[in-house]
Amino acid sequence: MAAGQTVRESFSVTEDSPVVFVTEPSPHFLCPVCRKLYQEPVIINGCGHTICKQCASTIEKCPIDHKVFVREQMIVNRFVVDHIEDLLIYCKHGLLKQGDTHVQDPSGCQEKIHLGTRVQHEENCQFKIVHCSNPSCEAKCRKCEMVEHKKVCVYNKCSHGNKGCEFQGREEDTQLHETTCGYRALQPIGVSSALEQKTVQLETSNRELVKQVSSLNMRLGQLEEVNTSLQGQLTECNKALKELNQKYETVVSSIEQVVTMRNRRSYGSPGGQGEGRPRSTSSSIRQTYQSSIRHSLSGSPPGSRMDKWNMPFQFKCIGTLRGHQDVVWCMASKDRKLYSAGKDRSVKIWDLDNLQRGCIKTIQGHADTVQCMCIGGDNLYTGGHDNTIYCWSLEDYSLVKSVTGAHDNVICTMAIAGAYLFTASFSLQEAHDNIICTMAIAGVYLFTASFSLIKIWEAKTMTWKHTIPGLHHWVRALALNPDKDKLFSGSHNTIDIWSVTEPFSLRGKVDHQFGSIYSLAVTSKYIIAGTYNRNIHVYSVKTYEYINALKGHIGVINSLCVSPCEGFCFSASSDSSIKIWNLENMLPIQTLQRHEGSVNTLVVHRDFLFSGSEDKEIKVFMYFQMQMGFAVNT
């Protein structure tokens, strides 16, 4: 241990923390002032030499080059500190003192530890000398020997000592005593008083709560009075609003008369030749107006059809169809009839030749909300929350066929193209492991979409045919192209294009970063996608390249449809509005705000737009060709 003695002489130690190095450290780690191992080594700013921080406080010049230095500018020498902390020493609990030095104790700790970690090791060392945990015992022993000591220590207390038992003895005797201790059934000393104190605290808290409840009741009475007052004001406001609406209708009627008289002058030919119109009276104007509506809706106007809409134009709300008792979720039209359904479980039929008649037929069969519908051939298909798909005849509105138990959850949407039926739901019975969001039928095949996949079934037998896996998140929207030979599916950040016939191969893909798609429309030029992020995104149907974003809504885009000439797009949103977009310049034309709830579904029928909403109503908007500088209010 000569090496250890040499080092010990050059390193300050105490009786409680002796240091014996495994290998004598380099002389470079000795301070040039005290000639001992560096203690908190610092660098002299001017010359760069290292000395102990304590030594630096006793001198004014560097001991090596004798240059004057400033103590406040010295910094810690981390390089020397790290090397000293990495030096190996013996644990102090494995050393014995012999004279003025320490030697290794064969019966003690044999660990070789780094100087920088000695405190942590020696504090937890199993060879550390500790006192017996029994307060009355003054014995000391190594930590690893404490278990054996406790067995023979006569000061082990009974576990019921907190109840008053004073028994002490060896561990075995104490355990035997505890089985018969007379204090076992008693409460610990001080517990009763603690319970009483807790009871007092709870009673105080209860009184405070009673005061707060009384205060809240008083405030509630005041709020009820304010509410009554506000209801009265609201009634007055509604009354004033009704009067304003009546005035508004009067003004609109006057404008219509002016427009009619102006058109009559412009359409009349010189010298009384041509087809002149009768002199304007209130009755003749109304009859002419209603006649134009019937001709446009029925598809047999006296002149040409308005499949090609010309700018400038506006859509004006000309009426409201009321009859549903709850939210309107879906609509479809064919020939001269409009079909609508919703949360009131019924399907209502409206005569487009005479909308003033109101609902001409109501058919019922669903046990819950009707979520979606579509028309194929001579049949109307409806699906809803009762997990059932109904097929109705359009000739006599009789039930042709129903598929009960088609889904374990809600059928959300439905669309048809030729012989293809598309519906959406939350789960076909044993068809998916997750919610079925949309479905469609095409010829003999039924397509259902769910989380990350689309499944194809034989529509007649409902047997599984094929699965398209690996799609991005939920598939919420399906649409067909005008040629009816491609199926477009919208999911999170992706639009996929599929063949509608075997082998149902992927024919294209549009990747984007706009989130989940809630609605789709496809024209001969564009793929139009309505998203959860409140925007409408347009892509080329041929190259799939991104073209533009139609921004303006502040809610989810629930429904999209395009005009017969494909020049204009209609969008419905949960923000209660409908917007009309010019697809030629990608700019908004008009915003229709007549609903008082989310607009869920749209149908374009010739020169008319129908919208179904959460407010239980169907609004009817009509196309109006405008003269330059002359607008029609909506």
Foldseek 3Di string as FASTA:
>chain_A
DVLQVVQQVQEDDDPVGGWGFPGRDDQVQAFPQSRHGADQWKAFVPPGDIHHLVVPVVDQADPPPRHGGDSVPIDGPVVSVVVQQQTKTAQPLQWDDDPPDIDGHPPGDGDIHGNNCNVVCNVPPQSHWDAQPQVVGGDIGGNVCNVVVQQADQACAAPLVQQPDGHTGGPVVNVVCNVVPPSPPPDGPPPVVVVVVVVVVVVVVVVVVVVVVVVVVVVVVVVVVVVVVVVVVVVVVVVVVVVVVVVVVVVLLVLLVVVVVVVQVVQQDPPRDDDGDDDDDPVVSVVVVLLQQLCQLQVHDPDHFVLPPDPPWDKDFDDWAFDFPFFWAEWDDDRQWIWTFFFSQKIFIAGSNCNVVHTPDIDHDDPGTWAEWEDEDQWIWIFFFQLKIWIAGNPPRHTDDMDGQQFPGTWHYWYADHQKIKIFWQGGVVPDPTTFQMWMGDNQWIWTWAFQKIWIARNVVRHTDDIGGRHHGGFHEWDAEPVRQWIWTWAFQKIWIWGPDPPGDTPDMAGGHQTGFQEWDYYQFWTWTWAQCQKIWIAGPVPRHTDDIQHDGPFGFQYKDARSNRQKIWTFGQSQKIWIAGPVVRYTNDIDHDDPGGWHYWDDRRQWIWITGRNNMIIIIGMDHDDVPDDRDD
